[in-house]
Amino acid sequence: MAIGALGRGQVRDTMPYDHIHLTASDPEKAYDWYLANLEGRAAENAGRLMFEPFTSGRPLPLQLMFIKAPDAGPSQGSVIESIGFSFHDVGAKVKALEAAGARVVAPVRDTPGFGKRAAVVDPWGVTIELVEDHAQLGFHHITLRLADPAATIEWLLAAFGGERVKMGGTLDALRYGRTYVAVVQGAGAAPSQGRAIDHLGWGPRDIDATAAALKAKGVAFTAAPSPKPNQFGHRTAYVDAPGGVRIELVQHAECAWGKN
């Protein structure tokens, strides 16, 4: 789907943000690493982590999921460049992550809107940004890098809704509940499929109605909605988004969390 092809002003109701799929040569070790070092908690199914308070009902908490991919490329250089977490003390967290095997790629520095900020790469190639947003601790944001950020934001607004904001007072972003999706400028980034951050996920209530609405706007699907729920009780589909950002739609059709 060409960037901007959905047009301006075609904003839908906000669809809940749902999950992120990371790749790793050893998904079980990656799960344990994020559980131990980024304060995740066991989520709905085995191998999934959540980073938000949750008891029941909707929306569901954002989850990280892990795919086995021995030869995945790093997230740096991809259209889904990084994921971000907020902590009270970024300096202390960077030291702890480095001791746990992460590589520091942006040392701690003071930045407007975030206080201290830094970036590390996990042992499987995911770039993790760390900020001090004391109003929203835990999982914080996703950063996309595309040639036309403004058109990308318009595309996301038309497809999934969202609240247009300035993350940290400076970065163009959309907000979905507690999750920011920031878009920065950069040409030549690789598609996300097969990289350390393989794809993003939104969670429609009715995947068939959502797919029909998106197709009517010209959105291309790389995989149509599955006719039946998978073993976890989910129905899924995949969307062709600007610049090669792989996006999954998942309806929690029969799983325990999705019935509320």
C-alpha atoms as a PDB file:
ATOM      1  CA  MET A   1       0.000   0.000   0.000  1.00  0.00           C
ATOM      2  CA  ALA A   2       1.473   3.342  -1.024  1.00  0.00           C
ATOM      3  CA  ILE A   3       2.132   5.822   1.763  1.00  0.00           C
ATOM      4  CA  GLY A   4      -0.692   8.305   2.018  1.00  0.00           C
ATOM      5  CA  ALA A   5      -2.982   6.341  -0.290  1.00  0.00           C
ATOM      6  CA  LEU A   6      -5.757   6.152   2.333  1.00  0.00           C
ATOM      7  CA  GLY A   7      -6.032   9.918   2.154  1.00  0.00           C
ATOM      8  CA  ARG A   8      -6.403  12.553   4.821  1.00  0.00           C
ATOM      9  CA  GLY A   9      -9.372  12.961   7.102  1.00  0.00           C
ATOM     10  CA  GLN A  10     -10.513   9.328   6.924  1.00  0.00           C
ATOM     11  CA  VAL A  11      -9.977   8.653  10.631  1.00  0.00           C
ATOM     12  CA  ARG A  12     -11.667   5.645  12.183  1.00  0.00           C
ATOM     13  CA  ASP A  13     -12.398   4.960  15.814  1.00  0.00           C
ATOM     14  CA  THR A  14      -9.228   3.969  17.621  1.00  0.00           C
ATOM     15  CA  MET A  15      -8.435   0.255  17.445  1.00  0.00           C
ATOM     16  CA  PRO A  16      -6.667  -1.147  20.543  1.00  0.00           C
ATOM     17  CA  TYR A  17      -2.961  -1.750  20.155  1.00  0.00           C
ATOM     18  CA  ASP A  18      -2.302  -5.440  20.854  1.00  0.00           C
ATOM     19  CA  HIS A  19       1.214  -6.887  20.565  1.00  0.00           C
ATOM     20  CA  ILE A  20       4.730  -6.959  19.121  1.00  0.00           C
ATOM     21  CA  HIS A  21       6.434 -10.037  17.695  1.00  0.00           C
ATOM     22  CA  LEU A  22      10.184 -10.258  18.266  1.00  0.00           C
ATOM     23  CA  THR A  23      12.449 -12.833  16.663  1.00  0.00           C
ATOM     24  CA  ALA A  24      15.203 -14.766  18.391  1.00  0.00           C
ATOM     25  CA  SER A  25      17.427 -17.774  17.750  1.00  0.00           C
ATOM     26  CA  ASP A  26      16.240 -19.106  21.129  1.00  0.00           C
ATOM     27  CA  PRO A  27      12.750 -17.734  21.943  1.00  0.00           C
ATOM     28  CA  GLU A  28      12.694 -19.329  25.393  1.00  0.00           C
ATOM     29  CA  LYS A  29      15.918 -17.581  26.402  1.00  0.00           C
ATOM     30  CA  ALA A  30      14.644 -14.304  24.964  1.00  0.00           C
ATOM     31  CA  TYR A  31      11.433 -14.653  26.975  1.00  0.00           C
ATOM     32  CA  ASP A  32      13.411 -15.302  30.167  1.00  0.00           C
ATOM     33  CA  TRP A  33      15.706 -12.330  29.440  1.00  0.00           C
ATOM     34  CA  TYR A  34      12.829  -9.876  29.017  1.00  0.00           C
ATOM     35  CA  LEU A  35      11.037 -11.327  32.026  1.00  0.00           C
ATOM     36  CA  ALA A  36      14.106 -10.896  34.226  1.00  0.00           C
ATOM     37  CA  ASN A  37      15.466  -7.598  32.915  1.00  0.00           C
ATOM     38  CA  LEU A  38      12.565  -5.497  31.653  1.00  0.00           C
ATOM     39  CA  GLU A  39      10.040  -6.253  34.381  1.00  0.00           C
ATOM     40  CA  GLY A  40       7.635  -8.217  32.223  1.00  0.00           C
ATOM     41  CA  ARG A  41       5.054 -10.589  33.612  1.00  0.00           C
ATOM     42  CA  ALA A  42       3.651 -13.865  32.314  1.00  0.00           C
ATOM     43  CA  ALA A  43       0.745 -13.183  29.982  1.00  0.00           C
ATOM     44  CA  GLU A  44      -2.196 -15.106  28.559  1.00  0.00           C
ATOM     45  CA  ASN A  45      -0.291 -17.937  26.885  1.00  0.00           C
ATOM     46  CA  ALA A  46       3.129 -19.506  27.434  1.00  0.00           C
ATOM     47  CA  GLY A  47       5.962 -17.535  25.860  1.00  0.00           C
ATOM     48  CA  ARG A  48       4.169 -14.194  26.045  1.00  0.00           C
ATOM     49  CA  LEU A  49       4.901 -11.268  28.323  1.00  0.00           C
ATOM     50  CA  MET A  50       2.834  -8.266  29.311  1.00  0.00           C
ATOM     51  CA  PHE A  51       4.068  -4.957  30.672  1.00  0.00           C
ATOM     52  CA  GLU A  52       0.839  -3.253  31.723  1.00  0.00           C
ATOM     53  CA  PRO A  53      -1.476  -3.610  34.716  1.00  0.00           C
ATOM     54  CA  PHE A  54      -4.336  -5.979  33.856  1.00  0.00           C
ATOM     55  CA  THR A  55      -7.044  -7.913  35.655  1.00  0.00           C
ATOM     56  CA  SER A  56      -9.807  -8.539  33.094  1.00  0.00           C
ATOM     57  CA  GLY A  57     -11.877  -6.916  30.376  1.00  0.00           C
ATOM     58  CA  ARG A  58     -10.898  -4.757  27.423  1.00  0.00           C
ATOM     59  CA  PRO A  59      -8.607  -3.497  26.141  1.00  0.00           C
ATOM     60  CA  LEU A  60      -6.196  -6.366  26.625  1.00  0.00           C
ATOM     61  CA  PRO A  61      -2.654  -5.549  27.813  1.00  0.00           C
ATOM     62  CA  LEU A  62       0.106  -5.119  25.263  1.00  0.00           C
ATOM     63  CA  GLN A  63       2.057  -8.351  24.895  1.00  0.00           C
ATOM     64  CA  LEU A  64       5.508  -9.274  23.582  1.00  0.00           C
ATOM     65  CA  MET A  65       5.701 -12.565  21.694  1.00  0.00           C
ATOM     66  CA  PHE A  66       8.775 -14.411  20.443  1.00  0.00           C
ATOM     67  CA  ILE A  67       9.318 -16.193  17.112  1.00  0.00           C
ATOM     68  CA  LYS A  68      12.164 -18.627  16.414  1.00  0.00           C
ATOM     69  CA  ALA A  69      14.326 -17.152  13.638  1.00  0.00           C
ATOM     70  CA  PRO A  70      18.033 -18.072  13.744  1.00  0.00           C
ATOM     71  CA  ASP A  71      19.062 -15.715  10.923  1.00  0.00           C
ATOM     72  CA  ALA A  72      16.964 -12.613  11.598  1.00  0.00           C
ATOM     73  CA  GLY A  73      18.590  -9.256  10.960  1.00  0.00           C
ATOM     74  CA  PRO A  74      18.749  -6.547  13.648  1.00  0.00           C
ATOM     75  CA  SER A  75      15.933  -4.071  14.120  1.00  0.00           C
ATOM     76  CA  GLN A  76      18.368  -1.214  13.426  1.00  0.00           C
ATOM     77  CA  GLY A  77      18.087  -0.470   9.725  1.00  0.00           C
ATOM     78  CA  SER A  78      14.517  -1.782   9.568  1.00  0.00           C
ATOM     79  CA  VAL A  79      11.306   0.209   9.286  1.00  0.00           C
ATOM     80  CA  ILE A  80      10.445  -0.936  12.834  1.00  0.00           C
ATOM     81  CA  GLU A  81      13.589   0.448  14.380  1.00  0.00           C
ATOM     82  CA  SER A  82      13.126   0.026  18.119  1.00  0.00           C
ATOM     83  CA  ILE A  83      10.868  -0.510  21.091  1.00  0.00           C
ATOM     84  CA  GLY A  84      10.992   1.694  24.171  1.00  0.00           C
ATOM     85  CA  PHE A  85      10.604   1.309  27.934  1.00  0.00           C
ATOM     86  CA  SER A  86      10.343   3.904  30.671  1.00  0.00           C
ATOM     87  CA  PHE A  87      12.095   3.577  34.038  1.00  0.00           C
ATOM     88  CA  HIS A  88      12.630   5.788  37.075  1.00  0.00           C
ATOM     89  CA  ASP A  89      16.430   5.532  36.718  1.00  0.00           C
ATOM     90  CA  VAL A  90      17.685   5.026  33.153  1.00  0.00           C
ATOM     91  CA  GLY A  91      21.334   5.073  34.228  1.00  0.00           C
ATOM     92  CA  ALA A  92      20.867   2.173  36.621  1.00  0.00           C
ATOM     93  CA  LYS A  93      18.801   0.215  34.102  1.00  0.00           C
ATOM     94  CA  VAL A  94      21.436   0.611  31.376  1.00  0.00           C
ATOM     95  CA  LYS A  95      24.103  -0.770  33.704  1.00  0.00           C
ATOM     96  CA  ALA A  96      21.870  -3.717  34.618  1.00  0.00           C
ATOM     97  CA  LEU A  97      21.060  -4.504  30.980  1.00  0.00           C
ATOM     98  CA  GLU A  98      24.699  -4.278  29.968  1.00  0.00           C
ATOM     99  CA  ALA A  99      25.601  -6.710  32.755  1.00  0.00           C
ATOM    100  CA  ALA A 100      22.885  -9.039  31.406  1.00  0.00           C
ATOM    101  CA  GLY A 101      24.393  -9.092  27.919  1.00  0.00           C
ATOM    102  CA  ALA A 102      22.927  -6.045  26.170  1.00  0.00           C
ATOM    103  CA  ARG A 103      25.162  -3.771  24.086  1.00  0.00           C
ATOM    104  CA  VAL A 104      24.976  -0.022  24.726  1.00  0.00           C
ATOM    105  CA  VAL A 105      24.554   1.891  21.450  1.00  0.00           C
ATOM    106  CA  ALA A 106      23.519   5.296  22.833  1.00  0.00           C
ATOM    107  CA  PRO A 107      24.935   6.232  26.244  1.00  0.00           C
ATOM    108  CA  VAL A 108      22.784   7.931  28.848  1.00  0.00           C
ATOM    109  CA  ARG A 109      22.200  11.582  28.030  1.00  0.00           C
ATOM    110  CA  ASP A 110      19.769  14.316  29.017  1.00  0.00           C
ATOM    111  CA  THR A 111      17.096  15.050  26.419  1.00  0.00           C
ATOM    112  CA  PRO A 112      14.177  17.490  26.423  1.00  0.00           C
ATOM    113  CA  GLY A 113      10.883  15.838  27.276  1.00  0.00           C
ATOM    114  CA  PHE A 114      12.346  12.572  28.553  1.00  0.00           C
ATOM    115  CA  GLY A 115      14.942  13.463  31.152  1.00  0.00           C
ATOM    116  CA  LYS A 116      17.633  10.851  30.724  1.00  0.00           C
ATOM    117  CA  ARG A 117      17.563   8.675  27.624  1.00  0.00           C
ATOM    118  CA  ALA A 118      19.683   5.813  26.271  1.00  0.00           C
ATOM    119  CA  ALA A 119      19.570   2.846  23.890  1.00  0.00           C
ATOM    120  CA  VAL A 120      20.843  -0.724  24.037  1.00  0.00           C
ATOM    121  CA  VAL A 121      20.623  -3.763  21.767  1.00  0.00           C
ATOM    122  CA  ASP A 122      19.414  -7.002  23.315  1.00  0.00           C
ATOM    123  CA  PRO A 123      21.308 -10.283  22.672  1.00  0.00           C
ATOM    124  CA  TRP A 124      19.045 -11.016  19.636  1.00  0.00           C
ATOM    125  CA  GLY A 125      19.333  -7.686  17.816  1.00  0.00           C
ATOM    126  CA  VAL A 126      16.366  -5.666  19.113  1.00  0.00           C
ATOM    127  CA  THR A 127      17.177  -2.015  19.751  1.00  0.00           C
ATOM    128  CA  ILE A 128      15.615  -0.933  23.053  1.00  0.00           C
ATOM    129  CA  GLU A 129      15.232   2.749  23.899  1.00  0.00           C
ATOM    130  CA  LEU A 130      15.109   3.702  27.565  1.00  0.00           C
ATOM    131  CA  VAL A 131      13.466   6.922  28.752  1.00  0.00           C
ATOM    132  CA  GLU A 132      12.432   8.487  32.046  1.00  0.00           C
ATOM    133  CA  ASP A 133       8.729   9.209  31.585  1.00  0.00           C
ATOM    134  CA  HIS A 134       7.660   8.959  35.208  1.00  0.00           C
ATOM    135  CA  ALA A 135       3.993   9.342  34.270  1.00  0.00           C
ATOM    136  CA  GLN A 136       4.118   6.147  32.209  1.00  0.00           C
ATOM    137  CA  LEU A 137       6.540   3.507  33.400  1.00  0.00           C
ATOM    138  CA  GLY A 138       6.990   0.132  31.713  1.00  0.00           C
ATOM    139  CA  PHE A 139       6.475  -0.458  28.005  1.00  0.00           C
ATOM    140  CA  HIS A 140       6.395   2.982  26.439  1.00  0.00           C
ATOM    141  CA  HIS A 141       6.743   3.243  22.650  1.00  0.00           C
ATOM    142  CA  ILE A 142       7.593   1.864  19.226  1.00  0.00           C
ATOM    143  CA  THR A 143       9.702   3.830  16.747  1.00  0.00           C
ATOM    144  CA  LEU A 144       9.161   3.499  12.994  1.00  0.00           C
ATOM    145  CA  ARG A 145      11.653   4.914  10.477  1.00  0.00           C
ATOM    146  CA  LEU A 146      10.149   5.797   7.090  1.00  0.00           C
ATOM    147  CA  ALA A 147      10.802   8.197   4.234  1.00  0.00           C
ATOM    148  CA  ASP A 148       7.589  10.186   4.807  1.00  0.00           C
ATOM    149  CA  PRO A 149       6.617  10.322   8.506  1.00  0.00           C
ATOM    150  CA  ALA A 150       3.662  12.665   7.989  1.00  0.00           C
ATOM    151  CA  ALA A 151       2.077  10.435   5.349  1.00  0.00           C
ATOM    152  CA  THR A 152       2.723   7.354   7.506  1.00  0.00           C
ATOM    153  CA  ILE A 153       0.923   8.923  10.448  1.00  0.00           C
ATOM    154  CA  GLU A 154      -2.011   9.798   8.189  1.00  0.00           C
ATOM    155  CA  TRP A 155      -2.096   6.188   6.966  1.00  0.00           C
ATOM    156  CA  LEU A 156      -2.105   4.808  10.502  1.00  0.00           C
ATOM    157  CA  LEU A 157      -4.788   7.272  11.574  1.00  0.00           C
ATOM    158  CA  ALA A 158      -7.009   6.263   8.674  1.00  0.00           C
ATOM    159  CA  ALA A 159      -6.446   2.553   9.259  1.00  0.00           C
ATOM    160  CA  PHE A 160      -6.402   2.280  13.072  1.00  0.00           C
ATOM    161  CA  GLY A 161      -7.312   5.657  14.521  1.00  0.00           C
ATOM    162  CA  GLY A 162      -5.182   6.844  17.431  1.00  0.00           C
ATOM    163  CA  GLU A 163      -4.498  10.130  19.176  1.00  0.00           C
ATOM    164  CA  ARG A 164      -2.011  12.413  17.398  1.00  0.00           C
ATOM    165  CA  VAL A 165       0.580  13.615  19.946  1.00  0.00           C
ATOM    166  CA  LYS A 166       4.144  14.867  20.299  1.00  0.00           C
ATOM    167  CA  MET A 167       5.955  12.150  22.247  1.00  0.00           C
ATOM    168  CA  GLY A 168       8.295  13.812  24.705  1.00  0.00           C
ATOM    169  CA  GLY A 169       7.102  17.123  23.291  1.00  0.00           C
ATOM    170  CA  THR A 170       9.166  16.674  20.124  1.00  0.00           C
ATOM    171  CA  LEU A 171       8.491  13.441  18.195  1.00  0.00           C
ATOM    172  CA  ASP A 172       5.456  13.003  15.942  1.00  0.00           C
ATOM    173  CA  ALA A 173       3.508  10.029  17.249  1.00  0.00           C
ATOM    174  CA  LEU A 174       0.149   8.373  17.672  1.00  0.00           C
ATOM    175  CA  ARG A 175      -1.048   7.098  21.019  1.00  0.00           C
ATOM    176  CA  TYR A 176      -3.064   3.929  21.500  1.00  0.00           C
ATOM    177  CA  GLY A 177      -3.965   3.681  25.171  1.00  0.00           C
ATOM    178  CA  ARG A 178      -0.594   3.483  26.956  1.00  0.00           C
ATOM    179  CA  THR A 179       1.428   2.801  23.801  1.00  0.00           C
ATOM    180  CA  TYR A 180       3.027   5.436  21.575  1.00  0.00           C
ATOM    181  CA  VAL A 181       3.887   4.747  17.934  1.00  0.00           C
ATOM    182  CA  ALA A 182       6.466   7.368  16.907  1.00  0.00           C
ATOM    183  CA  VAL A 183       7.520   7.903  13.299  1.00  0.00           C
ATOM    184  CA  VAL A 184      10.881   9.437  12.389  1.00  0.00           C
ATOM    185  CA  GLN A 185      12.331  10.279   8.991  1.00  0.00           C
ATOM    186  CA  GLY A 186      14.739   7.935   7.242  1.00  0.00           C
ATOM    187  CA  ALA A 187      14.989   6.598   3.714  1.00  0.00           C
ATOM    188  CA  GLY A 188      16.095   3.131   2.677  1.00  0.00           C
ATOM    189  CA  ALA A 189      15.018   1.169   5.757  1.00  0.00           C
ATOM    190  CA  ALA A 190      14.420  -2.546   5.155  1.00  0.00           C
ATOM    191  CA  PRO A 191      10.978  -4.194   5.531  1.00  0.00           C
ATOM    192  CA  SER A 192      10.391  -5.544   9.017  1.00  0.00           C
ATOM    193  CA  GLN A 193       9.538  -9.171   8.202  1.00  0.00           C
ATOM    194  CA  GLY A 194      12.467 -11.366   9.155  1.00  0.00           C
ATOM    195  CA  ARG A 195      14.107  -8.678  11.290  1.00  0.00           C
ATOM    196  CA  ALA A 196      14.480  -8.669  15.069  1.00  0.00           C
ATOM    197  CA  ILE A 197      11.166  -6.790  15.387  1.00  0.00           C
ATOM    198  CA  ASP A 198       9.137  -8.740  12.857  1.00  0.00           C
ATOM    199  CA  HIS A 199       5.745  -7.096  13.129  1.00  0.00           C
ATOM    200  CA  LEU A 200       3.278  -4.997  15.077  1.00  0.00           C
ATOM    201  CA  GLY A 201      -0.262  -5.975  16.019  1.00  0.00           C
ATOM    202  CA  TRP A 202      -3.625  -4.283  16.465  1.00  0.00           C
ATOM    203  CA  GLY A 203      -6.680  -6.007  17.968  1.00  0.00           C
ATOM    204  CA  PRO A 204     -10.030  -5.411  16.237  1.00  0.00           C
ATOM    205  CA  ARG A 205     -13.227  -6.631  17.879  1.00  0.00           C
ATOM    206  CA  ASP A 206     -14.552  -7.903  14.533  1.00  0.00           C
ATOM    207  CA  ILE A 207     -11.768  -8.866  12.140  1.00  0.00           C
ATOM    208  CA  ASP A 208     -14.114  -9.491   9.197  1.00  0.00           C
ATOM    209  CA  ALA A 209     -15.742  -6.063   9.421  1.00  0.00           C
ATOM    210  CA  THR A 210     -12.350  -4.433   9.920  1.00  0.00           C
ATOM    211  CA  ALA A 211     -10.868  -6.235   6.920  1.00  0.00           C
ATOM    212  CA  ALA A 212     -13.790  -5.219   4.727  1.00  0.00           C
ATOM    213  CA  ALA A 213     -13.446  -1.573   5.789  1.00  0.00           C
ATOM    214  CA  LEU A 214      -9.698  -1.548   5.173  1.00  0.00           C
ATOM    215  CA  LYS A 215     -10.028  -3.256   1.791  1.00  0.00           C
ATOM    216  CA  ALA A 216     -12.626  -0.661   0.785  1.00  0.00           C
ATOM    217  CA  LYS A 217      -9.971   1.988   1.450  1.00  0.00           C
ATOM    218  CA  GLY A 218      -7.445   0.135  -0.708  1.00  0.00           C
ATOM    219  CA  VAL A 219      -5.406  -1.570   1.992  1.00  0.00           C
ATOM    220  CA  ALA A 220      -3.728  -4.729   0.690  1.00  0.00           C
ATOM    221  CA  PHE A 221      -3.706  -7.891   2.814  1.00  0.00           C
ATOM    222  CA  THR A 222      -0.799 -10.322   2.617  1.00  0.00           C
ATOM    223  CA  ALA A 223      -2.952 -12.860   4.498  1.00  0.00           C
ATOM    224  CA  ALA A 224      -6.752 -12.701   4.656  1.00  0.00           C
ATOM    225  CA  PRO A 225      -8.535 -13.221   7.990  1.00  0.00           C
ATOM    226  CA  SER A 226      -8.252 -16.840   9.074  1.00  0.00           C
ATOM    227  CA  PRO A 227     -11.653 -18.544   8.849  1.00  0.00           C
ATOM    228  CA  LYS A 228     -11.324 -20.237  12.235  1.00  0.00           C
ATOM    229  CA  PRO A 229      -9.527 -19.431  15.499  1.00  0.00           C
ATOM    230  CA  ASN A 230      -6.068 -20.921  15.930  1.00  0.00           C
ATOM    231  CA  GLN A 231      -5.004 -23.103  18.861  1.00  0.00           C
ATOM    232  CA  PHE A 232      -4.928 -20.035  21.124  1.00  0.00           C
ATOM    233  CA  GLY A 233      -8.455 -18.926  20.197  1.00  0.00           C
ATOM    234  CA  HIS A 234      -7.343 -16.087  17.914  1.00  0.00           C
ATOM    235  CA  ARG A 235      -8.265 -15.163  14.348  1.00  0.00           C
ATOM    236  CA  THR A 236      -5.515 -13.337  12.487  1.00  0.00           C
ATOM    237  CA  ALA A 237      -4.726 -11.478   9.259  1.00  0.00           C
ATOM    238  CA  TYR A 238      -1.731  -9.532   7.925  1.00  0.00           C
ATOM    239  CA  VAL A 239      -1.717  -6.096   6.307  1.00  0.00           C
ATOM    240  CA  ASP A 240       0.661  -4.536   3.803  1.00  0.00           C
ATOM    241  CA  ALA A 241       1.533  -1.219   5.468  1.00  0.00           C
ATOM    242  CA  PRO A 242       3.714   1.719   4.319  1.00  0.00           C
ATOM    243  CA  GLY A 243       7.377   1.029   3.649  1.00  0.00           C
ATOM    244  CA  GLY A 244       7.230  -2.659   4.552  1.00  0.00           C
ATOM    245  CA  VAL A 245       5.936  -2.357   8.118  1.00  0.00           C
ATOM    246  CA  ARG A 246       4.386  -5.768   8.716  1.00  0.00           C
ATOM    247  CA  ILE A 247       1.141  -5.534  10.706  1.00  0.00           C
ATOM    248  CA  GLU A 248      -0.974  -8.313  12.147  1.00  0.00           C
ATOM    249  CA  LEU A 249      -4.638  -7.977  13.025  1.00  0.00           C
ATOM    250  CA  VAL A 250      -5.772 -10.354  15.766  1.00  0.00           C
ATOM    251  CA  GLN A 251      -9.289 -10.903  17.028  1.00  0.00           C
ATOM    252  CA  HIS A 252      -9.318 -12.661  20.395  1.00  0.00           C
ATOM    253  CA  ALA A 253     -12.297 -14.734  19.338  1.00  0.00           C
ATOM    254  CA  GLU A 254     -12.366 -17.655  21.743  1.00  0.00           C
ATOM    255  CA  CYS A 255      -9.469 -17.126  24.144  1.00  0.00           C
ATOM    256  CA  ALA A 256     -10.265 -16.541  27.814  1.00  0.00           C
ATOM    257  CA  TRP A 257      -9.053 -12.942  27.885  1.00  0.00           C
ATOM    258  CA  GLY A 258     -10.964 -11.965  24.760  1.00  0.00           C
ATOM    259  CA  LYS A 259     -14.359 -13.143  25.999  1.00  0.00           C
ATOM    260  CA  ASN A 260     -14.703 -10.259  28.471  1.00  0.00           C
END
